[in-house]
Protein backbone atom coordinates (compact mmCIF):
# COMPACT_ATOMS: atom_id res chain seq x y z
CA MET A 1 17.98 -15.10 -4.46
CA THR A 2 14.88 -17.03 -3.38
CA LEU A 3 14.83 -15.68 0.18
CA PRO A 4 14.67 -11.98 -0.83
CA ILE A 5 11.92 -12.83 -3.33
CA PHE A 6 9.94 -14.66 -0.64
CA ILE A 7 10.36 -11.75 1.79
CA ALA A 8 9.23 -9.19 -0.80
CA ALA A 9 6.30 -11.43 -1.78
CA ALA A 10 5.26 -11.77 1.87
CA VAL A 11 5.28 -8.02 2.40
CA ALA A 12 3.24 -7.50 -0.77
CA GLU A 13 0.73 -10.19 0.17
CA ILE A 14 0.27 -9.04 3.74
CA ALA A 15 -0.06 -5.39 2.72
CA GLY A 16 -2.59 -6.31 0.03
CA CYS A 17 -4.63 -8.48 2.36
CA PHE A 18 -4.51 -5.84 5.08
CA THR A 19 -6.17 -3.31 2.79
CA PHE A 20 -9.16 -5.66 2.50
CA TRP A 21 -9.13 -6.12 6.29
CA ALA A 22 -9.01 -2.35 6.76
CA TRP A 23 -11.87 -1.77 4.32
CA TRP A 24 -14.10 -4.51 5.72
CA ARG A 25 -13.22 -4.63 9.43
CA LEU A 26 -11.92 -1.13 10.10
CA GLU A 27 -14.46 0.60 7.84
CA LYS A 28 -11.85 2.34 5.68
CA SER A 29 -12.77 3.74 2.27
CA VAL A 30 -13.38 1.36 -0.60
CA TRP A 31 -10.47 3.13 -2.31
CA TRP A 32 -8.12 1.19 -0.02
CA LEU A 33 -8.84 -1.81 -2.25
CA LEU A 34 -7.07 -0.38 -5.31
CA PRO A 35 -3.55 -0.39 -3.88
CA GLY A 36 -4.43 -3.66 -2.17
CA MET A 37 -5.21 -5.34 -5.48
CA ALA A 38 -2.01 -3.95 -7.01
CA SER A 39 -0.06 -5.27 -4.05
CA LEU A 40 -1.62 -8.72 -4.43
CA ALA A 41 -0.75 -8.74 -8.14
CA LEU A 42 2.84 -7.83 -7.23
CA PHE A 43 2.83 -10.69 -4.72
CA ALA A 44 1.76 -13.20 -7.38
CA TRP A 45 4.40 -11.98 -9.82
CA LEU A 46 7.16 -12.07 -7.20
CA LEU A 47 6.25 -15.58 -6.10
CA SER A 48 6.45 -16.75 -9.71
CA LEU A 49 10.13 -15.70 -9.69
CA ALA A 50 11.04 -18.10 -6.87
CA GLY A 51 13.77 -20.57 -7.71
CA ALA A 52 11.99 -23.87 -7.15
CA ASP A 53 11.45 -26.81 -9.44
CA ALA A 54 7.65 -26.82 -8.97
CA ALA A 55 5.09 -24.14 -8.15
CA GLY A 56 3.54 -26.12 -5.29
CA ARG A 57 6.94 -26.61 -3.68
CA ALA A 58 7.70 -22.88 -3.96
CA TYR A 59 4.33 -22.03 -2.39
CA ALA A 60 4.88 -24.51 0.45
CA ALA A 61 8.36 -23.18 1.22
CA TYR A 62 7.08 -19.61 1.00
CA GLY A 63 4.55 -20.42 3.70
CA GLY A 64 7.23 -20.40 6.39
CA ILE A 65 8.44 -16.96 5.32
CA TYR A 66 4.84 -15.72 5.18
CA ILE A 67 4.22 -16.83 8.75
CA CYS A 68 7.30 -14.98 10.01
CA ALA A 69 6.40 -11.87 8.02
CA SER A 70 2.87 -12.00 9.42
CA LEU A 71 4.24 -11.97 12.95
CA GLY A 72 6.43 -9.03 11.98
CA TRP A 73 3.33 -7.25 10.67
CA LEU A 74 1.50 -8.09 13.89
CA TRP A 75 4.23 -6.37 15.86
CA MET A 76 5.15 -3.45 13.58
CA ALA A 77 1.78 -2.50 12.08
CA GLU A 78 -0.67 -3.62 14.73
CA GLY A 79 1.41 -3.03 17.85
CA VAL A 80 0.93 -6.56 19.22
CA ARG A 81 4.18 -8.18 20.29
CA PRO A 82 4.46 -11.88 19.32
CA ASP A 83 4.72 -14.17 22.33
CA ARG A 84 7.06 -17.13 22.79
CA PHE A 85 4.58 -19.54 21.24
CA ASP A 86 4.36 -17.37 18.13
CA LEU A 87 8.15 -17.39 17.90
CA ILE A 88 8.50 -21.13 18.52
CA GLY A 89 5.89 -21.80 15.84
CA ALA A 90 7.68 -19.48 13.41
CA VAL A 91 10.98 -21.29 13.94
CA ILE A 92 9.31 -24.65 13.31
CA CYS A 93 7.77 -23.26 10.11
CA LEU A 94 11.13 -21.91 8.91
CA VAL A 95 12.78 -25.26 9.50
CA GLY A 96 10.01 -26.93 7.51
CA ALA A 97 10.28 -24.39 4.71
CA GLY A 98 14.04 -24.92 4.58
CA ILE A 99 13.62 -28.68 4.33
CA ILE A 100 11.10 -28.32 1.52
CA LEU A 101 13.18 -25.83 -0.44
CA LEU A 102 16.71 -27.11 0.12
CA ALA A 103 16.33 -30.88 0.33
CA PRO A 104 18.23 -32.84 -2.35
CA ARG A 105 15.85 -34.17 -4.97
CA ALA A 106 16.18 -37.22 -7.15
CA ALA A 107 16.77 -36.28 -10.78
């Protein structure tokens, strides 16, 4: 159940952050910030649902999913196709996230 939570959290975080980007860098209306703040609150709530034994470990493992979702956003929302270095980096991050999240821990 952790992976779907991380994916939903990543979408909420990226969407929320993008509204600030759009307001500041793309000169969109200040009203863009309202759904952005709601999206960021949803992100925080979703991340708190992650099945990890410590918040810091959940945040670290989530980072790999966030990176992949950001590259998806780059391609889908901004029309910039990730290159091979983006994809290699994303795979490395996912492996790291998997190690952090799934490694056996001493009791």
